[in-house]
């Protein structure tokens, strides 16, 4: 399978707003309560909507990578947490997963 490198961007206001909607989904699925939940960088992949790969700081030294799907605007659905990877560091590369 060929995976195209997805461009990396700094978080924007749009991402920050929609990203906070995913926090409760992550906390529930990971069974954690995050005092910090800050998007550091993200990459996107266009599918039938947009797939976001986001590096998230959850504490001073802990990071996770989350994969979030945002459907097309006409579908009127909020963002959905697809999967996540724990045990990451600030220096771990953000890759397709």
PDB file of N, CA and C in Angstrom:
ATOM      1  N   UNK A   1       0.847  -1.176   0.000  1.00  0.00           N
ATOM      2  CA  UNK A   1       0.000   0.000   0.000  1.00  0.00           C
ATOM      3  C   UNK A   1       0.890   1.235   0.000  1.00  0.00           C
ATOM      4  N   UNK A   2       0.620   2.142  -0.900  1.00  0.00           N
ATOM      5  CA  UNK A   2       1.370   3.391  -0.973  1.00  0.00           C
ATOM      6  C   UNK A   2       0.656   4.437  -0.131  1.00  0.00           C
ATOM      7  N   UNK A   3       1.368   5.048   0.786  1.00  0.00           N
ATOM      8  CA  UNK A   3       0.802   6.103   1.612  1.00  0.00           C
ATOM      9  C   UNK A   3       1.467   7.411   1.217  1.00  0.00           C
ATOM     10  N   UNK A   4       0.688   8.349   0.739  1.00  0.00           N
ATOM     11  CA  UNK A   4       1.202   9.657   0.368  1.00  0.00           C
ATOM     12  C   UNK A   4       1.448  10.467   1.638  1.00  0.00           C
ATOM     13  N   UNK A   5       2.583  11.161   1.672  1.00  0.00           N
ATOM     14  CA  UNK A   5       2.856  12.044   2.810  1.00  0.00           C
ATOM     15  C   UNK A   5       1.810  13.148   2.823  1.00  0.00           C
ATOM     16  N   UNK A   6       1.204  13.346   3.965  1.00  0.00           N
ATOM     17  CA  UNK A   6       0.151  14.349   4.104  1.00  0.00           C
ATOM     18  C   UNK A   6       0.783  15.623   4.631  1.00  0.00           C
ATOM     19  N   UNK A   7       0.505  16.792   4.032  1.00  0.00           N
ATOM     20  CA  UNK A   7       1.132  18.034   4.508  1.00  0.00           C
ATOM     21  C   UNK A   7       0.831  18.295   5.982  1.00  0.00           C
ATOM     22  N   UNK A   8       1.796  18.882   6.691  1.00  0.00           N
ATOM     23  CA  UNK A   8       1.644  19.187   8.114  1.00  0.00           C
ATOM     24  C   UNK A   8       1.324  20.671   8.262  1.00  0.00           C
ATOM     25  N   UNK A   9       0.374  21.008   9.115  1.00  0.00           N
ATOM     26  CA  UNK A   9      -0.041  22.384   9.340  1.00  0.00           C
ATOM     27  C   UNK A   9      -0.044  22.680  10.828  1.00  0.00           C
ATOM     28  N   UNK A  10      -0.003  23.933  11.177  1.00  0.00           N
ATOM     29  CA  UNK A  10      -0.189  24.352  12.559  1.00  0.00           C
ATOM     30  C   UNK A  10      -1.698  24.439  12.812  1.00  0.00           C
ATOM     31  N   UNK A  11      -2.152  24.183  14.031  1.00  0.00           N
ATOM     32  CA  UNK A  11      -3.585  24.243  14.328  1.00  0.00           C
ATOM     33  C   UNK A  11      -4.185  25.621  14.030  1.00  0.00           C
ATOM     34  N   UNK A  12      -5.436  25.623  13.588  1.00  0.00           N
ATOM     35  CA  UNK A  12      -6.162  26.847  13.264  1.00  0.00           C
ATOM     36  C   UNK A  12      -7.369  26.982  14.183  1.00  0.00           C
ATOM     37  N   UNK A  13      -8.063  28.107  14.101  1.00  0.00           N
ATOM     38  CA  UNK A  13      -9.274  28.293  14.909  1.00  0.00           C
ATOM     39  C   UNK A  13     -10.330  27.251  14.577  1.00  0.00           C
ATOM     40  N   UNK A  14     -10.508  26.934  13.274  1.00  0.00           N
ATOM     41  CA  UNK A  14     -11.495  25.910  12.887  1.00  0.00           C
ATOM     42  C   UNK A  14     -11.149  24.587  13.551  1.00  0.00           C
ATOM     43  N   UNK A  15      -9.884  24.194  13.459  1.00  0.00           N
ATOM     44  CA  UNK A  15      -9.471  22.925  14.053  1.00  0.00           C
ATOM     45  C   UNK A  15      -9.679  22.948  15.560  1.00  0.00           C
ATOM     46  N   UNK A  16      -9.314  24.032  16.213  1.00  0.00           N
ATOM     47  CA  UNK A  16      -9.444  24.117  17.669  1.00  0.00           C
ATOM     48  C   UNK A  16     -10.894  23.936  18.107  1.00  0.00           C
ATOM     49  N   UNK A  17     -11.826  24.576  17.407  1.00  0.00           N
ATOM     50  CA  UNK A  17     -13.240  24.478  17.758  1.00  0.00           C
ATOM     51  C   UNK A  17     -13.754  23.057  17.584  1.00  0.00           C
ATOM     52  N   UNK A  18     -13.494  22.479  16.429  1.00  0.00           N
ATOM     53  CA  UNK A  18     -14.011  21.146  16.166  1.00  0.00           C
ATOM     54  C   UNK A  18     -13.274  20.097  16.971  1.00  0.00           C
ATOM     55  N   UNK A  19     -11.982  20.350  17.235  1.00  0.00           N
ATOM     56  CA  UNK A  19     -11.137  19.441  17.977  1.00  0.00           C
ATOM     57  C   UNK A  19     -11.647  19.255  19.411  1.00  0.00           C
ATOM     58  N   UNK A  20     -12.108  20.325  20.037  1.00  0.00           N
ATOM     59  CA  UNK A  20     -12.609  20.225  21.407  1.00  0.00           C
ATOM     60  C   UNK A  20     -13.846  19.337  21.510  1.00  0.00           C
ATOM     61  N   UNK A  21     -14.571  19.177  20.406  1.00  0.00           N
ATOM     62  CA  UNK A  21     -15.728  18.278  20.391  1.00  0.00           C
ATOM     63  C   UNK A  21     -15.298  16.817  20.488  1.00  0.00           C
ATOM     64  N   UNK A  22     -14.041  16.537  20.167  1.00  0.00           N
ATOM     65  CA  UNK A  22     -13.532  15.167  20.175  1.00  0.00           C
ATOM     66  C   UNK A  22     -12.982  14.770  21.545  1.00  0.00           C
ATOM     67  N   UNK A  23     -12.642  15.758  22.376  1.00  0.00           N
ATOM     68  CA  UNK A  23     -12.049  15.476  23.685  1.00  0.00           C
ATOM     69  C   UNK A  23     -12.876  14.488  24.512  1.00  0.00           C
ATOM     70  N   UNK A  24     -14.192  14.673  24.660  1.00  0.00           N
ATOM     71  CA  UNK A  24     -14.968  13.713  25.461  1.00  0.00           C
ATOM     72  C   UNK A  24     -14.945  12.291  24.860  1.00  0.00           C
ATOM     73  N   UNK A  25     -14.910  12.199  23.530  1.00  0.00           N
ATOM     74  CA  UNK A  25     -14.834  10.887  22.884  1.00  0.00           C
ATOM     75  C   UNK A  25     -13.515  10.201  23.248  1.00  0.00           C
ATOM     76  N   UNK A  26     -12.418  10.969  23.167  1.00  0.00           N
ATOM     77  CA  UNK A  26     -11.104  10.406  23.511  1.00  0.00           C
ATOM     78  C   UNK A  26     -11.071   9.986  24.977  1.00  0.00           C
ATOM     79  N   UNK A  27     -11.502  10.861  25.885  1.00  0.00           N
ATOM     80  CA  UNK A  27     -11.454  10.556  27.319  1.00  0.00           C
ATOM     81  C   UNK A  27     -12.259   9.302  27.640  1.00  0.00           C
ATOM     82  N   UNK A  28     -13.402   9.151  27.005  1.00  0.00           N
ATOM     83  CA  UNK A  28     -14.238   7.979  27.236  1.00  0.00           C
ATOM     84  C   UNK A  28     -13.568   6.700  26.727  1.00  0.00           C
ATOM     85  N   UNK A  29     -13.071   6.746  25.506  1.00  0.00           N
ATOM     86  CA  UNK A  29     -12.467   5.546  24.912  1.00  0.00           C
ATOM     87  C   UNK A  29     -11.131   5.188  25.534  1.00  0.00           C
ATOM     88  N   UNK A  30     -10.346   6.183  25.950  1.00  0.00           N
ATOM     89  CA  UNK A  30      -9.035   5.924  26.563  1.00  0.00           C
ATOM     90  C   UNK A  30      -9.144   5.748  28.080  1.00  0.00           C
ATOM     91  N   UNK A  31     -10.329   6.008  28.633  1.00  0.00           N
ATOM     92  CA  UNK A  31     -10.588   5.914  30.062  1.00  0.00           C
ATOM     93  C   UNK A  31      -9.627   6.799  30.866  1.00  0.00           C
ATOM     94  N   UNK A  32      -9.525   8.067  30.425  1.00  0.00           N
ATOM     95  CA  UNK A  32      -8.671   9.053  31.092  1.00  0.00           C
ATOM     96  C   UNK A  32      -9.430  10.366  31.219  1.00  0.00           C
ATOM     97  N   UNK A  33      -8.929  11.239  32.096  1.00  0.00           N
ATOM     98  CA  UNK A  33      -9.457  12.594  32.228  1.00  0.00           C
ATOM     99  C   UNK A  33      -8.291  13.533  31.959  1.00  0.00           C
ATOM    100  N   UNK A  34      -8.334  14.249  30.842  1.00  0.00           N
ATOM    101  CA  UNK A  34      -7.214  15.096  30.420  1.00  0.00           C
ATOM    102  C   UNK A  34      -7.386  16.522  30.926  1.00  0.00           C
ATOM    103  N   UNK A  35      -6.458  16.951  31.796  1.00  0.00           N
ATOM    104  CA  UNK A  35      -6.461  18.339  32.243  1.00  0.00           C
ATOM    105  C   UNK A  35      -6.030  19.239  31.087  1.00  0.00           C
ATOM    106  N   UNK A  36      -5.102  18.738  30.285  1.00  0.00           N
ATOM    107  CA  UNK A  36      -4.617  19.456  29.107  1.00  0.00           C
ATOM    108  C   UNK A  36      -5.050  18.667  27.882  1.00  0.00           C
ATOM    109  N   UNK A  37      -5.449  19.342  26.840  1.00  0.00           N
ATOM    110  CA  UNK A  37      -5.835  18.682  25.582  1.00  0.00           C
ATOM    111  C   UNK A  37      -5.604  19.707  24.478  1.00  0.00           C
ATOM    112  N   UNK A  38      -4.330  19.841  24.079  1.00  0.00           N
ATOM    113  CA  UNK A  38      -3.926  20.895  23.161  1.00  0.00           C
ATOM    114  C   UNK A  38      -3.414  20.310  21.860  1.00  0.00           C
ATOM    115  N   UNK A  39      -4.002  20.735  20.747  1.00  0.00           N
ATOM    116  CA  UNK A  39      -3.526  20.302  19.431  1.00  0.00           C
ATOM    117  C   UNK A  39      -2.196  20.994  19.156  1.00  0.00           C
ATOM    118  N   UNK A  40      -1.180  20.211  18.801  1.00  0.00           N
ATOM    119  CA  UNK A  40       0.147  20.743  18.525  1.00  0.00           C
ATOM    120  C   UNK A  40       0.329  20.925  17.016  1.00  0.00           C
ATOM    121  N   UNK A  41       0.152  19.880  16.261  1.00  0.00           N
ATOM    122  CA  UNK A  41       0.213  19.923  14.794  1.00  0.00           C
ATOM    123  C   UNK A  41      -0.795  18.925  14.243  1.00  0.00           C
ATOM    124  N   UNK A  42      -1.124  19.082  12.975  1.00  0.00           N
ATOM    125  CA  UNK A  42      -2.019  18.108  12.360  1.00  0.00           C
ATOM    126  C   UNK A  42      -1.713  17.965  10.875  1.00  0.00           C
ATOM    127  N   UNK A  43      -2.211  16.851  10.337  1.00  0.00           N
ATOM    128  CA  UNK A  43      -2.145  16.574   8.913  1.00  0.00           C
ATOM    129  C   UNK A  43      -3.557  16.201   8.484  1.00  0.00           C
ATOM    130  N   UNK A  44      -3.842  16.355   7.201  1.00  0.00           N
ATOM    131  CA  UNK A  44      -5.175  15.996   6.715  1.00  0.00           C
ATOM    132  C   UNK A  44      -5.072  15.051   5.523  1.00  0.00           C
ATOM    133  N   UNK A  45      -6.147  14.305   5.327  1.00  0.00           N
ATOM    134  CA  UNK A  45      -6.302  13.445   4.162  1.00  0.00           C
ATOM    135  C   UNK A  45      -7.741  13.628   3.703  1.00  0.00           C
ATOM    136  N   UNK A  46      -7.935  13.988   2.444  1.00  0.00           N
ATOM    137  CA  UNK A  46      -9.279  14.161   1.910  1.00  0.00           C
ATOM    138  C   UNK A  46      -9.821  12.805   1.503  1.00  0.00           C
ATOM    139  N   UNK A  47     -10.976  12.462   2.060  1.00  0.00           N
ATOM    140  CA  UNK A  47     -11.698  11.235   1.726  1.00  0.00           C
ATOM    141  C   UNK A  47     -13.115  11.700   1.415  1.00  0.00           C
ATOM    142  N   UNK A  48     -14.144  10.980   1.781  1.00  0.00           N
ATOM    143  CA  UNK A  48     -15.513  11.471   1.626  1.00  0.00           C
ATOM    144  C   UNK A  48     -15.793  12.377   2.821  1.00  0.00           C
ATOM    145  N   UNK A  49     -15.004  13.418   2.937  1.00  0.00           N
ATOM    146  CA  UNK A  49     -14.929  14.321   4.078  1.00  0.00           C
ATOM    147  C   UNK A  49     -13.455  14.570   4.301  1.00  0.00           C
ATOM    148  N   UNK A  50     -13.046  14.787   5.542  1.00  0.00           N
ATOM    149  CA  UNK A  50     -11.633  15.009   5.836  1.00  0.00           C
ATOM    150  C   UNK A  50     -11.217  14.170   7.036  1.00  0.00           C
ATOM    151  N   UNK A  51     -10.087  13.465   6.878  1.00  0.00           N
ATOM    152  CA  UNK A  51      -9.501  12.711   7.977  1.00  0.00           C
ATOM    153  C   UNK A  51      -8.372  13.573   8.537  1.00  0.00           C
ATOM    154  N   UNK A  52      -8.404  13.808   9.839  1.00  0.00           N
ATOM    155  CA  UNK A  52      -7.376  14.600  10.514  1.00  0.00           C
ATOM    156  C   UNK A  52      -6.512  13.669  11.357  1.00  0.00           C
ATOM    157  N   UNK A  53      -5.218  13.856  11.284  1.00  0.00           N
ATOM    158  CA  UNK A  53      -4.253  13.176  12.139  1.00  0.00           C
ATOM    159  C   UNK A  53      -3.664  14.285  13.007  1.00  0.00           C
ATOM    160  N   UNK A  54      -3.887  14.212  14.316  1.00  0.00           N
ATOM    161  CA  UNK A  54      -3.564  15.337  15.199  1.00  0.00           C
ATOM    162  C   UNK A  54      -2.667  14.878  16.341  1.00  0.00           C
ATOM    163  N   UNK A  55      -1.565  15.617  16.555  1.00  0.00           N
ATOM    164  CA  UNK A  55      -0.709  15.382  17.722  1.00  0.00           C
ATOM    165  C   UNK A  55      -1.277  16.232  18.847  1.00  0.00           C
ATOM    166  N   UNK A  56      -1.581  15.591  19.975  1.00  0.00           N
ATOM    167  CA  UNK A  56      -2.249  16.257  21.090  1.00  0.00           C
ATOM    168  C   UNK A  56      -1.404  16.136  22.356  1.00  0.00           C
ATOM    169  N   UNK A  57      -1.200  17.267  23.024  1.00  0.00           N
ATOM    170  CA  UNK A  57      -0.517  17.251  24.319  1.00  0.00           C
ATOM    171  C   UNK A  57      -1.579  17.047  25.389  1.00  0.00           C
ATOM    172  N   UNK A  58      -1.412  15.986  26.203  1.00  0.00           N
ATOM    173  CA  UNK A  58      -2.396  15.686  27.245  1.00  0.00           C
ATOM    174  C   UNK A  58      -1.854  15.922  28.654  1.00  0.00           C
ATOM    175  N   UNK A  59      -0.552  16.166  28.766  1.00  0.00           N
ATOM    176  CA  UNK A  59       0.068  16.569  30.040  1.00  0.00           C
ATOM    177  C   UNK A  59       1.426  17.183  29.697  1.00  0.00           C
ATOM    178  N   UNK A  60       2.197  17.550  30.731  1.00  0.00           N
ATOM    179  CA  UNK A  60       3.501  18.175  30.471  1.00  0.00           C
ATOM    180  C   UNK A  60       4.379  17.353  29.535  1.00  0.00           C
ATOM    181  N   UNK A  61       4.417  16.048  29.739  1.00  0.00           N
ATOM    182  CA  UNK A  61       5.319  15.198  28.959  1.00  0.00           C
ATOM    183  C   UNK A  61       4.605  14.146  28.127  1.00  0.00           C
ATOM    184  N   UNK A  62       3.281  14.094  28.170  1.00  0.00           N
ATOM    185  CA  UNK A  62       2.538  13.050  27.460  1.00  0.00           C
ATOM    186  C   UNK A  62       1.824  13.598  26.238  1.00  0.00           C
ATOM    187  N   UNK A  63       1.907  12.818  25.166  1.00  0.00           N
ATOM    188  CA  UNK A  63       1.260  13.169  23.913  1.00  0.00           C
ATOM    189  C   UNK A  63       0.536  11.949  23.379  1.00  0.00           C
ATOM    190  N   UNK A  64      -0.505  12.194  22.624  1.00  0.00           N
ATOM    191  CA  UNK A  64      -1.209  11.136  21.903  1.00  0.00           C
ATOM    192  C   UNK A  64      -1.394  11.603  20.462  1.00  0.00           C
ATOM    193  N   UNK A  65      -1.569  10.641  19.576  1.00  0.00           N
ATOM    194  CA  UNK A  65      -1.931  10.943  18.195  1.00  0.00           C
ATOM    195  C   UNK A  65      -3.358  10.459  18.014  1.00  0.00           C
ATOM    196  N   UNK A  66      -4.208  11.334  17.517  1.00  0.00           N
ATOM    197  CA  UNK A  66      -5.600  10.945  17.296  1.00  0.00           C
ATOM    198  C   UNK A  66      -5.950  11.083  15.817  1.00  0.00           C
ATOM    199  N   UNK A  67      -6.871  10.247  15.392  1.00  0.00           N
ATOM    200  CA  UNK A  67      -7.356  10.251  14.011  1.00  0.00           C
ATOM    201  C   UNK A  67      -8.842  10.590  14.088  1.00  0.00           C
ATOM    202  N   UNK A  68      -9.227  11.704  13.450  1.00  0.00           N
ATOM    203  CA  UNK A  68     -10.591  12.221  13.551  1.00  0.00           C
ATOM    204  C   UNK A  68     -11.174  12.384  12.155  1.00  0.00           C
ATOM    205  N   UNK A  69     -12.407  11.936  11.973  1.00  0.00           N
ATOM    206  CA  UNK A  69     -13.095  12.094  10.693  1.00  0.00           C
ATOM    207  C   UNK A  69     -14.116  13.222  10.791  1.00  0.00           C
ATOM    208  N   UNK A  70     -14.067  14.133   9.822  1.00  0.00           N
ATOM    209  CA  UNK A  70     -15.067  15.193   9.699  1.00  0.00           C
ATOM    210  C   UNK A  70     -15.794  14.974   8.380  1.00  0.00           C
ATOM    211  N   UNK A  71     -17.091  14.710   8.460  1.00  0.00           N
ATOM    212  CA  UNK A  71     -17.873  14.432   7.252  1.00  0.00           C
ATOM    213  C   UNK A  71     -18.072  15.694   6.426  1.00  0.00           C
ATOM    214  N   UNK A  72     -18.612  15.514   5.243  1.00  0.00           N
ATOM    215  CA  UNK A  72     -18.901  16.642   4.367  1.00  0.00           C
ATOM    216  C   UNK A  72     -19.941  17.549   5.021  1.00  0.00           C
ATOM    217  N   UNK A  73     -19.883  18.870   4.766  1.00  0.00           N
ATOM    218  CA  UNK A  73     -20.795  19.821   5.421  1.00  0.00           C
ATOM    219  C   UNK A  73     -22.275  19.475   5.270  1.00  0.00           C
ATOM    220  N   UNK A  74     -22.678  18.996   4.106  1.00  0.00           N
ATOM    221  CA  UNK A  74     -24.102  18.708   3.887  1.00  0.00           C
ATOM    222  C   UNK A  74     -24.612  17.524   4.719  1.00  0.00           C
ATOM    223  N   UNK A  75     -23.710  16.747   5.283  1.00  0.00           N
ATOM    224  CA  UNK A  75     -24.128  15.613   6.115  1.00  0.00           C
ATOM    225  C   UNK A  75     -24.475  16.040   7.538  1.00  0.00           C
ATOM    226  N   UNK A  76     -24.096  17.262   7.920  1.00  0.00           N
ATOM    227  CA  UNK A  76     -24.476  17.832   9.218  1.00  0.00           C
ATOM    228  C   UNK A  76     -24.137  16.939  10.411  1.00  0.00           C
ATOM    229  N   UNK A  77     -22.937  16.366  10.415  1.00  0.00           N
ATOM    230  CA  UNK A  77     -22.507  15.534  11.528  1.00  0.00           C
ATOM    231  C   UNK A  77     -21.238  16.133  12.123  1.00  0.00           C
ATOM    232  N   UNK A  78     -21.083  15.992  13.402  1.00  0.00           N
ATOM    233  CA  UNK A  78     -19.881  16.497  14.058  1.00  0.00           C
ATOM    234  C   UNK A  78     -18.693  15.591  13.818  1.00  0.00           C
ATOM    235  N   UNK A  79     -17.531  15.993  14.277  1.00  0.00           N
ATOM    236  CA  UNK A  79     -16.338  15.176  14.118  1.00  0.00           C
ATOM    237  C   UNK A  79     -16.430  13.888  14.929  1.00  0.00           C
ATOM    238  N   UNK A  80     -15.776  12.860  14.440  1.00  0.00           N
ATOM    239  CA  UNK A  80     -15.831  11.559  15.085  1.00  0.00           C
ATOM    240  C   UNK A  80     -14.415  11.007  15.278  1.00  0.00           C
ATOM    241  N   UNK A  81     -14.097  10.590  16.499  1.00  0.00           N
ATOM    242  CA  UNK A  81     -12.809   9.977  16.792  1.00  0.00           C
ATOM    243  C   UNK A  81     -12.784   8.592  16.160  1.00  0.00           C
ATOM    244  N   UNK A  82     -11.835   8.357  15.260  1.00  0.00           N
ATOM    245  CA  UNK A  82     -11.711   7.071  14.580  1.00  0.00           C
ATOM    246  C   UNK A  82     -10.783   6.151  15.364  1.00  0.00           C
ATOM    247  N   UNK A  83      -9.593   6.658  15.725  1.00  0.00           N
ATOM    248  CA  UNK A  83      -8.654   5.864  16.505  1.00  0.00           C
ATOM    249  C   UNK A  83      -7.639   6.787  17.159  1.00  0.00           C
ATOM    250  N   UNK A  84      -6.786   6.203  18.009  1.00  0.00           N
ATOM    251  CA  UNK A  84      -5.766   7.001  18.678  1.00  0.00           C
ATOM    252  C   UNK A  84      -4.589   6.107  19.043  1.00  0.00           C
ATOM    253  N   UNK A  85      -3.434   6.763  19.265  1.00  0.00           N
ATOM    254  CA  UNK A  85      -2.221   6.087  19.700  1.00  0.00           C
ATOM    255  C   UNK A  85      -1.689   6.822  20.926  1.00  0.00           C
ATOM    256  N   UNK A  86      -1.477   6.102  22.021  1.00  0.00           N
ATOM    257  CA  UNK A  86      -0.970   6.701  23.245  1.00  0.00           C
ATOM    258  C   UNK A  86       0.535   6.458  23.358  1.00  0.00           C
ATOM    259  N   UNK A  87       1.157   7.037  24.383  1.00  0.00           N
ATOM    260  CA  UNK A  87       2.574   6.814  24.638  1.00  0.00           C
ATOM    261  C   UNK A  87       3.489   7.547  23.668  1.00  0.00           C
ATOM    262  N   UNK A  88       3.038   8.637  23.112  1.00  0.00           N
ATOM    263  CA  UNK A  88       3.834   9.410  22.159  1.00  0.00           C
ATOM    264  C   UNK A  88       4.598  10.514  22.878  1.00  0.00           C
ATOM    265  N   UNK A  89       5.632  11.038  22.210  1.00  0.00           N
ATOM    266  CA  UNK A  89       6.385  12.165  22.728  1.00  0.00           C
ATOM    267  C   UNK A  89       6.218  13.339  21.771  1.00  0.00           C
ATOM    268  N   UNK A  90       6.687  14.506  22.185  1.00  0.00           N
ATOM    269  CA  UNK A  90       6.596  15.685  21.318  1.00  0.00           C
ATOM    270  C   UNK A  90       7.376  15.486  20.022  1.00  0.00           C
ATOM    271  N   UNK A  91       8.443  14.703  20.074  1.00  0.00           N
ATOM    272  CA  UNK A  91       9.299  14.500  18.912  1.00  0.00           C
ATOM    273  C   UNK A  91       8.869  13.353  18.001  1.00  0.00           C
ATOM    274  N   UNK A  92       7.922  12.530  18.433  1.00  0.00           N
ATOM    275  CA  UNK A  92       7.468  11.433  17.570  1.00  0.00           C
ATOM    276  C   UNK A  92       6.826  12.001  16.306  1.00  0.00           C
ATOM    277  N   UNK A  93       7.193  11.475  15.138  1.00  0.00           N
ATOM    278  CA  UNK A  93       6.590  11.983  13.910  1.00  0.00           C
ATOM    279  C   UNK A  93       5.102  11.628  13.832  1.00  0.00           C
ATOM    280  N   UNK A  94       4.343  12.545  13.293  1.00  0.00           N
ATOM    281  CA  UNK A  94       2.910  12.324  13.092  1.00  0.00           C
ATOM    282  C   UNK A  94       2.751  11.632  11.753  1.00  0.00           C
ATOM    283  N   UNK A  95       2.317  10.365  11.758  1.00  0.00           N
ATOM    284  CA  UNK A  95       2.220   9.580  10.535  1.00  0.00           C
ATOM    285  C   UNK A  95       0.804   9.042  10.346  1.00  0.00           C
ATOM    286  N   UNK A  96       0.555   8.569   9.151  1.00  0.00           N
ATOM    287  CA  UNK A  96      -0.724   7.930   8.835  1.00  0.00           C
ATOM    288  C   UNK A  96      -0.848   6.655   9.676  1.00  0.00           C
ATOM    289  N   UNK A  97      -2.008   6.438  10.287  1.00  0.00           N
ATOM    290  CA  UNK A  97      -2.265   5.196  11.014  1.00  0.00           C
ATOM    291  C   UNK A  97      -3.721   4.812  10.895  1.00  0.00           C
TER     292      UNK A  97
END
